Amino acid sequence: MAEKSFHVEVVSADAELYSGEATFVIAQTTVGEMGVLANHEPLLGQLVPGGFVVIVEESGTRKAAAVEGGFISVTGASVTILAEAAEWADGVDVNAEKSALDSAEPGTPEYNRAHARLRAAEQIA
């Protein structure tokens, strides 16, 4: 029987957010949203500004992080998310982020940050 889990690392410029085993990862790349299961073909993708990453742990726990650009590296045995900036969605104030999104100009860092936080929060709601 094939392995169903793989190692995942989520690293930002200033911190290591996650290191553990997962059964599924979802990431938003510049060519679209992608899902990764164990033994996925190797690839390197660019993460979108204002995107998110979802990790489904071996236990079934679903975690989501807002990411602001960076890269995803997939090998047959692991996934590494190298984000310019990343933060977990469980602490996001949805109302504050909606307000920030409404007042920011699309494409600006403020807009992308609010968009990423809202999309990540939606993934665990």
Protein backbone atom coordinates (compact mmCIF):
# COMPACT_ATOMS: atom_id res chain seq x y z
CA MET A 1 0.00 0.00 0.00
CA ALA A 2 1.32 3.45 -0.90
CA GLU A 3 2.25 6.01 1.74
CA LYS A 4 -0.61 8.40 2.44
CA SER A 5 1.31 11.06 4.36
CA PHE A 6 4.31 13.25 3.66
CA HIS A 7 6.40 15.86 5.41
CA VAL A 8 5.36 19.53 5.15
CA GLU A 9 7.34 22.64 6.08
CA VAL A 10 5.94 26.18 6.02
CA VAL A 11 8.62 28.83 6.38
CA SER A 12 8.38 32.60 6.07
CA ALA A 13 11.18 35.14 5.94
CA ASP A 14 11.11 35.54 9.72
CA ALA A 15 9.79 32.24 11.15
CA GLU A 16 9.16 28.54 10.69
CA LEU A 17 5.38 28.21 10.97
CA TYR A 18 4.94 24.49 10.52
CA SER A 19 6.85 21.24 10.36
CA GLY A 20 4.90 17.99 10.42
CA GLU A 21 3.16 15.18 8.58
CA ALA A 22 0.15 15.79 6.35
CA THR A 23 -2.11 13.89 3.99
CA PHE A 24 -3.12 16.81 1.76
CA VAL A 25 -1.95 20.34 0.95
CA ILE A 26 -3.74 23.02 -1.05
CA ALA A 27 -1.87 26.08 -2.34
CA GLN A 28 -2.77 29.02 -4.57
CA THR A 29 -0.17 29.44 -7.29
CA THR A 30 0.15 31.86 -10.18
CA VAL A 31 -1.25 29.17 -12.51
CA GLY A 32 -4.17 28.21 -10.26
CA GLU A 33 -5.10 26.43 -7.07
CA MET A 34 -3.41 23.06 -6.66
CA GLY A 35 -3.78 20.08 -4.36
CA VAL A 36 -0.93 17.81 -3.34
CA LEU A 37 -1.23 14.22 -2.13
CA ALA A 38 1.53 11.78 -1.16
CA ASN A 39 3.91 10.78 -3.97
CA HIS A 40 3.00 13.83 -6.09
CA GLU A 41 5.24 14.49 -9.06
CA PRO A 42 8.02 16.99 -8.27
CA LEU A 43 7.27 20.61 -9.11
CA LEU A 44 8.13 24.16 -8.21
CA GLY A 45 5.37 26.78 -8.20
CA GLN A 46 5.08 30.47 -7.43
CA LEU A 47 2.54 31.40 -4.74
CA VAL A 48 0.19 34.30 -5.41
CA PRO A 49 0.26 37.46 -3.31
CA GLY A 50 -2.89 37.46 -1.20
CA GLY A 51 -3.25 33.68 -1.25
CA PHE A 52 -3.51 30.84 1.23
CA VAL A 53 -2.17 27.39 1.99
CA VAL A 54 -4.20 24.63 3.62
CA ILE A 55 -2.64 21.65 5.39
CA VAL A 56 -4.63 18.56 6.36
CA GLU A 57 -2.66 16.80 9.06
CA GLU A 58 -2.55 13.02 9.54
CA SER A 59 -5.03 13.43 12.42
CA GLY A 60 -7.51 15.12 10.05
CA THR A 61 -6.98 18.57 11.56
CA ARG A 62 -7.24 21.27 8.91
CA LYS A 63 -4.90 24.27 9.25
CA ALA A 64 -4.83 27.32 6.98
CA ALA A 65 -2.29 30.08 6.61
CA ALA A 66 -2.46 33.37 4.75
CA VAL A 67 0.59 33.71 2.50
CA GLU A 68 1.88 36.71 0.63
CA GLY A 69 3.90 35.36 -2.24
CA GLY A 70 6.77 32.92 -2.30
CA PHE A 71 7.19 29.41 -3.65
CA ILE A 72 5.98 25.85 -3.17
CA SER A 73 8.41 23.01 -3.72
CA VAL A 74 7.02 19.49 -4.07
CA THR A 75 9.06 16.30 -4.12
CA GLY A 76 7.75 12.76 -3.92
CA ALA A 77 8.28 12.77 -0.14
CA SER A 78 7.75 16.37 1.02
CA VAL A 79 6.24 19.79 0.43
CA THR A 80 8.00 23.01 1.36
CA ILE A 81 6.23 26.36 1.38
CA LEU A 82 8.69 29.26 1.25
CA ALA A 83 6.51 32.32 1.82
CA GLU A 84 7.55 35.96 1.80
CA ALA A 85 5.13 36.36 4.73
CA ALA A 86 2.72 33.90 6.34
CA GLU A 87 0.42 33.70 9.34
CA TRP A 88 -2.12 31.24 10.68
CA ALA A 89 -5.77 31.98 9.97
CA ASP A 90 -7.12 31.03 13.38
CA GLY A 91 -6.34 34.48 14.81
CA VAL A 92 -7.83 36.51 11.95
CA ASP A 93 -10.42 39.18 12.81
CA VAL A 94 -12.70 38.72 9.80
CA ASN A 95 -14.59 42.01 10.25
CA ALA A 96 -11.37 44.02 10.52
CA GLU A 97 -9.96 42.34 7.41
CA LYS A 98 -13.17 42.98 5.43
CA SER A 99 -12.93 46.64 6.38
CA ALA A 100 -9.24 46.75 5.39
CA LEU A 101 -10.05 45.08 2.07
CA ASP A 102 -12.83 47.57 1.33
CA SER A 103 -10.60 50.57 2.01
CA ALA A 104 -7.47 49.32 0.21
CA GLU A 105 -6.63 49.76 -3.46
CA PRO A 106 -6.60 46.39 -5.31
CA GLY A 107 -3.06 45.11 -5.86
CA THR A 108 -1.51 47.03 -2.97
CA PRO A 109 0.27 45.16 -0.16
CA GLU A 110 -2.55 46.13 2.23
CA TYR A 111 -5.17 44.72 -0.11
CA ASN A 112 -3.21 41.50 -0.70
CA ARG A 113 -2.64 41.01 3.05
CA ALA A 114 -6.34 41.47 3.89
CA HIS A 115 -7.38 39.24 0.98
CA ALA A 116 -4.98 36.47 2.08
CA ARG A 117 -6.19 36.61 5.67
CA LEU A 118 -9.86 36.45 4.65
CA ARG A 119 -9.33 33.56 2.20
CA ALA A 120 -7.34 31.60 4.80
CA ALA A 121 -10.03 32.18 7.44
CA GLU A 122 -12.68 30.90 5.01
CA GLN A 123 -10.75 27.63 4.68
CA ILE A 124 -11.16 26.75 8.36
CA ALA A 125 -14.65 28.20 8.94
